[in-house]
């Protein structure tokens, strides 16, 4: 139940031609407190409820619990969420045995493109594709919960 993830800005759109699939994600927060975020997400045609804990000092590891729920339940829960929904297209890109999830944001976060990679350990090495830019793993401004309350366009 621990997620180990690194997050990067994306420098160009070359990832689109390398992606194996993409889908729209709409999500809101029942609680956006960094100590324990509670997220409702519609990802394609599926609903999810996710609870995340605060990240460790490096920002790479944190508790995560996720459960698939009926899409009708996700839609109902979204109506209860805090102001500031996240709307994005996620592209899945395999690069040398690692999956990068690249999110292209819309709405108040338009212009932001972030890539995430989940790892087995914080020290796991991986090859960086040419479109991967600055690492922002420890910068909480790039967490979706933060973006829902402080949109990228307002920075």
C-alpha atoms as a PDB file:
ATOM      1  CA  UNK A   1       0.000   0.000   0.000  1.00  0.00           C
ATOM      2  CA  UNK A   2       2.996   2.289  -0.461  1.00  0.00           C
ATOM      3  CA  UNK A   3       3.338   4.123  -3.739  1.00  0.00           C
ATOM      4  CA  UNK A   4       6.861   5.024  -4.886  1.00  0.00           C
ATOM      5  CA  UNK A   5       6.630   7.596  -7.635  1.00  0.00           C
ATOM      6  CA  UNK A   6       8.757  10.261  -9.295  1.00  0.00           C
ATOM      7  CA  UNK A   7       7.291  13.228 -11.120  1.00  0.00           C
ATOM      8  CA  UNK A   8       8.747  15.310 -13.970  1.00  0.00           C
ATOM      9  CA  UNK A   9       7.793  18.217 -16.169  1.00  0.00           C
ATOM     10  CA  UNK A  10       7.527  17.383 -19.876  1.00  0.00           C
ATOM     11  CA  UNK A  11       9.457  19.447 -22.416  1.00  0.00           C
ATOM     12  CA  UNK A  12       7.726  18.496 -25.692  1.00  0.00           C
ATOM     13  CA  UNK A  13       4.892  16.395 -27.094  1.00  0.00           C
ATOM     14  CA  UNK A  14       6.970  13.543 -28.579  1.00  0.00           C
ATOM     15  CA  UNK A  15       5.403  11.229 -25.958  1.00  0.00           C
ATOM     16  CA  UNK A  16       2.089  11.290 -27.872  1.00  0.00           C
ATOM     17  CA  UNK A  17       3.446   9.235 -30.779  1.00  0.00           C
ATOM     18  CA  UNK A  18       5.085   6.836 -28.298  1.00  0.00           C
ATOM     19  CA  UNK A  19       1.933   6.251 -26.228  1.00  0.00           C
ATOM     20  CA  UNK A  20       0.082   2.937 -26.267  1.00  0.00           C
ATOM     21  CA  UNK A  21      -3.212   4.368 -24.990  1.00  0.00           C
ATOM     22  CA  UNK A  22      -4.810   7.482 -23.615  1.00  0.00           C
ATOM     23  CA  UNK A  23      -7.978   8.323 -21.727  1.00  0.00           C
ATOM     24  CA  UNK A  24      -9.665  11.240 -20.049  1.00  0.00           C
ATOM     25  CA  UNK A  25      -9.533  11.612 -16.278  1.00  0.00           C
ATOM     26  CA  UNK A  26     -11.824  13.856 -14.243  1.00  0.00           C
ATOM     27  CA  UNK A  27     -11.216  13.951 -10.523  1.00  0.00           C
ATOM     28  CA  UNK A  28     -12.184  15.869  -7.454  1.00  0.00           C
ATOM     29  CA  UNK A  29     -11.229  15.886  -3.805  1.00  0.00           C
ATOM     30  CA  UNK A  30     -13.464  15.126  -0.856  1.00  0.00           C
ATOM     31  CA  UNK A  31     -10.444  16.161   1.228  1.00  0.00           C
ATOM     32  CA  UNK A  32      -7.367  17.895  -0.219  1.00  0.00           C
ATOM     33  CA  UNK A  33      -5.425  18.108   3.066  1.00  0.00           C
ATOM     34  CA  UNK A  34      -1.863  16.903   2.253  1.00  0.00           C
ATOM     35  CA  UNK A  35      -1.868  14.726   5.380  1.00  0.00           C
ATOM     36  CA  UNK A  36      -4.661  12.555   3.901  1.00  0.00           C
ATOM     37  CA  UNK A  37      -6.164  13.308   0.526  1.00  0.00           C
ATOM     38  CA  UNK A  38      -9.383  11.587  -0.479  1.00  0.00           C
ATOM     39  CA  UNK A  39      -9.901  11.598  -4.232  1.00  0.00           C
ATOM     40  CA  UNK A  40     -12.790  10.576  -6.480  1.00  0.00           C
ATOM     41  CA  UNK A  41     -11.810   9.822 -10.060  1.00  0.00           C
ATOM     42  CA  UNK A  42     -13.475   8.857 -13.305  1.00  0.00           C
ATOM     43  CA  UNK A  43     -10.837   7.307 -15.541  1.00  0.00           C
ATOM     44  CA  UNK A  44     -12.264   6.438 -18.922  1.00  0.00           C
ATOM     45  CA  UNK A  45     -15.350   4.385 -18.099  1.00  0.00           C
ATOM     46  CA  UNK A  46     -14.374   3.400 -14.535  1.00  0.00           C
ATOM     47  CA  UNK A  47     -14.749   5.058 -11.138  1.00  0.00           C
ATOM     48  CA  UNK A  48     -12.225   5.048  -8.291  1.00  0.00           C
ATOM     49  CA  UNK A  49     -11.980   6.205  -4.697  1.00  0.00           C
ATOM     50  CA  UNK A  50      -8.411   6.820  -3.499  1.00  0.00           C
ATOM     51  CA  UNK A  51      -6.883   7.795  -0.175  1.00  0.00           C
ATOM     52  CA  UNK A  52      -3.284   9.029  -0.095  1.00  0.00           C
ATOM     53  CA  UNK A  53      -1.109   9.870   2.880  1.00  0.00           C
ATOM     54  CA  UNK A  54       1.560  12.536   3.178  1.00  0.00           C
ATOM     55  CA  UNK A  55       4.765  11.871   1.274  1.00  0.00           C
ATOM     56  CA  UNK A  56       8.069  11.091   2.989  1.00  0.00           C
ATOM     57  CA  UNK A  57      10.953  13.602   3.052  1.00  0.00           C
ATOM     58  CA  UNK A  58      11.980  12.854  -0.549  1.00  0.00           C
ATOM     59  CA  UNK A  59       8.375  13.110  -1.743  1.00  0.00           C
ATOM     60  CA  UNK A  60       8.748   9.763  -3.540  1.00  0.00           C
ATOM     61  CA  UNK A  61       6.911   7.409  -1.174  1.00  0.00           C
ATOM     62  CA  UNK A  62       3.513   7.641   0.447  1.00  0.00           C
ATOM     63  CA  UNK A  63       0.608   5.492   1.541  1.00  0.00           C
ATOM     64  CA  UNK A  64      -2.001   4.889  -1.167  1.00  0.00           C
ATOM     65  CA  UNK A  65      -5.242   2.920  -1.018  1.00  0.00           C
ATOM     66  CA  UNK A  66      -7.481   2.718  -4.079  1.00  0.00           C
ATOM     67  CA  UNK A  67     -10.766   0.932  -4.734  1.00  0.00           C
ATOM     68  CA  UNK A  68     -12.730   0.704  -7.977  1.00  0.00           C
ATOM     69  CA  UNK A  69     -16.305   1.887  -7.535  1.00  0.00           C
ATOM     70  CA  UNK A  70     -19.302   2.037  -9.865  1.00  0.00           C
ATOM     71  CA  UNK A  71     -19.193   4.976 -12.272  1.00  0.00           C
ATOM     72  CA  UNK A  72     -22.592   6.118 -10.951  1.00  0.00           C
ATOM     73  CA  UNK A  73     -21.127   6.247  -7.438  1.00  0.00           C
ATOM     74  CA  UNK A  74     -18.098   8.202  -8.674  1.00  0.00           C
ATOM     75  CA  UNK A  75     -20.375  10.697 -10.436  1.00  0.00           C
ATOM     76  CA  UNK A  76     -22.450  11.155  -7.264  1.00  0.00           C
ATOM     77  CA  UNK A  77     -19.342  11.606  -5.109  1.00  0.00           C
ATOM     78  CA  UNK A  78     -17.874  14.134  -7.553  1.00  0.00           C
ATOM     79  CA  UNK A  79     -20.874  16.362  -6.844  1.00  0.00           C
ATOM     80  CA  UNK A  80     -19.773  16.471  -3.162  1.00  0.00           C
ATOM     81  CA  UNK A  81     -16.154  17.361  -3.870  1.00  0.00           C
ATOM     82  CA  UNK A  82     -14.327  20.544  -3.000  1.00  0.00           C
ATOM     83  CA  UNK A  83     -14.210  23.266  -5.635  1.00  0.00           C
ATOM     84  CA  UNK A  84     -11.594  22.802  -8.345  1.00  0.00           C
ATOM     85  CA  UNK A  85     -11.916  19.608 -10.377  1.00  0.00           C
ATOM     86  CA  UNK A  86      -8.932  18.247 -12.292  1.00  0.00           C
ATOM     87  CA  UNK A  87      -9.487  17.493 -15.989  1.00  0.00           C
ATOM     88  CA  UNK A  88      -6.727  15.851 -18.003  1.00  0.00           C
ATOM     89  CA  UNK A  89      -5.820  13.337 -20.676  1.00  0.00           C
ATOM     90  CA  UNK A  90      -3.427  10.610 -19.538  1.00  0.00           C
ATOM     91  CA  UNK A  91      -1.059   9.004 -22.026  1.00  0.00           C
ATOM     92  CA  UNK A  92       0.584   5.687 -21.115  1.00  0.00           C
ATOM     93  CA  UNK A  93       4.102   5.422 -22.543  1.00  0.00           C
ATOM     94  CA  UNK A  94       6.376   2.394 -22.152  1.00  0.00           C
ATOM     95  CA  UNK A  95      10.039   3.360 -22.238  1.00  0.00           C
ATOM     96  CA  UNK A  96      12.652   0.665 -21.708  1.00  0.00           C
ATOM     97  CA  UNK A  97      10.546  -1.512 -19.385  1.00  0.00           C
ATOM     98  CA  UNK A  98       9.052   1.363 -17.393  1.00  0.00           C
ATOM     99  CA  UNK A  99       5.605   2.871 -17.729  1.00  0.00           C
ATOM    100  CA  UNK A 100       5.392   6.657 -17.779  1.00  0.00           C
ATOM    101  CA  UNK A 101       1.971   8.193 -17.219  1.00  0.00           C
ATOM    102  CA  UNK A 102       1.912  11.584 -18.911  1.00  0.00           C
ATOM    103  CA  UNK A 103      -0.897  13.969 -17.953  1.00  0.00           C
ATOM    104  CA  UNK A 104      -1.915  16.847 -20.208  1.00  0.00           C
ATOM    105  CA  UNK A 105      -4.072  19.191 -18.146  1.00  0.00           C
ATOM    106  CA  UNK A 106      -7.059  21.275 -19.259  1.00  0.00           C
ATOM    107  CA  UNK A 107      -9.212  23.997 -17.745  1.00  0.00           C
ATOM    108  CA  UNK A 108      -7.496  26.122 -15.121  1.00  0.00           C
ATOM    109  CA  UNK A 109      -4.398  23.885 -15.312  1.00  0.00           C
ATOM    110  CA  UNK A 110      -4.042  24.091 -19.100  1.00  0.00           C
ATOM    111  CA  UNK A 111      -0.439  24.394 -20.223  1.00  0.00           C
ATOM    112  CA  UNK A 112       0.836  21.950 -17.617  1.00  0.00           C
ATOM    113  CA  UNK A 113       2.181  18.562 -18.724  1.00  0.00           C
ATOM    114  CA  UNK A 114       3.567  16.211 -16.063  1.00  0.00           C
ATOM    115  CA  UNK A 115       4.961  12.679 -16.325  1.00  0.00           C
ATOM    116  CA  UNK A 116       5.005  10.172 -13.462  1.00  0.00           C
ATOM    117  CA  UNK A 117       6.814   6.873 -13.120  1.00  0.00           C
ATOM    118  CA  UNK A 118       6.076   4.304 -10.411  1.00  0.00           C
ATOM    119  CA  UNK A 119       9.075   2.414  -9.118  1.00  0.00           C
ATOM    120  CA  UNK A 120       9.724  -0.658  -6.976  1.00  0.00           C
ATOM    121  CA  UNK A 121      12.220   1.245  -4.789  1.00  0.00           C
ATOM    122  CA  UNK A 122      13.350   4.842  -4.374  1.00  0.00           C
ATOM    123  CA  UNK A 123      16.804   3.870  -5.702  1.00  0.00           C
ATOM    124  CA  UNK A 124      15.558   2.056  -8.817  1.00  0.00           C
ATOM    125  CA  UNK A 125      17.281   3.334 -11.948  1.00  0.00           C
ATOM    126  CA  UNK A 126      15.454   4.045 -15.199  1.00  0.00           C
ATOM    127  CA  UNK A 127      16.149   5.532 -18.592  1.00  0.00           C
ATOM    128  CA  UNK A 128      14.759   9.018 -19.232  1.00  0.00           C
ATOM    129  CA  UNK A 129      13.011   9.659 -22.542  1.00  0.00           C
ATOM    130  CA  UNK A 130      14.029  12.789 -24.498  1.00  0.00           C
ATOM    131  CA  UNK A 131      10.794  14.592 -23.559  1.00  0.00           C
ATOM    132  CA  UNK A 132      11.353  14.251 -19.805  1.00  0.00           C
ATOM    133  CA  UNK A 133      12.383  17.523 -18.170  1.00  0.00           C
ATOM    134  CA  UNK A 134      12.977  18.846 -14.666  1.00  0.00           C
ATOM    135  CA  UNK A 135      12.124  16.571 -11.755  1.00  0.00           C
ATOM    136  CA  UNK A 136       9.390  18.013  -9.499  1.00  0.00           C
ATOM    137  CA  UNK A 137       8.794  15.011  -7.217  1.00  0.00           C
ATOM    138  CA  UNK A 138       9.268  16.950  -3.988  1.00  0.00           C
ATOM    139  CA  UNK A 139       7.448  20.094  -5.188  1.00  0.00           C
ATOM    140  CA  UNK A 140       3.917  19.838  -3.755  1.00  0.00           C
ATOM    141  CA  UNK A 141       2.654  22.456  -6.250  1.00  0.00           C
ATOM    142  CA  UNK A 142       2.537  19.650  -8.833  1.00  0.00           C
ATOM    143  CA  UNK A 143       0.322  17.369  -6.741  1.00  0.00           C
ATOM    144  CA  UNK A 144      -3.175  17.173  -8.191  1.00  0.00           C
ATOM    145  CA  UNK A 145      -4.716  18.038  -4.823  1.00  0.00           C
ATOM    146  CA  UNK A 146      -2.711  21.275  -4.756  1.00  0.00           C
ATOM    147  CA  UNK A 147      -3.589  22.030  -8.389  1.00  0.00           C
ATOM    148  CA  UNK A 148      -7.280  21.657  -7.610  1.00  0.00           C
ATOM    149  CA  UNK A 149      -7.035  24.558  -5.119  1.00  0.00           C
ATOM    150  CA  UNK A 150      -4.204  26.555  -6.745  1.00  0.00           C
ATOM    151  CA  UNK A 151      -4.541  26.125 -10.518  1.00  0.00           C
ATOM    152  CA  UNK A 152      -1.459  26.323 -12.727  1.00  0.00           C
ATOM    153  CA  UNK A 153      -2.838  29.361 -14.588  1.00  0.00           C
ATOM    154  CA  UNK A 154      -2.775  31.363 -11.325  1.00  0.00           C
ATOM    155  CA  UNK A 155       0.940  30.817 -10.611  1.00  0.00           C
END
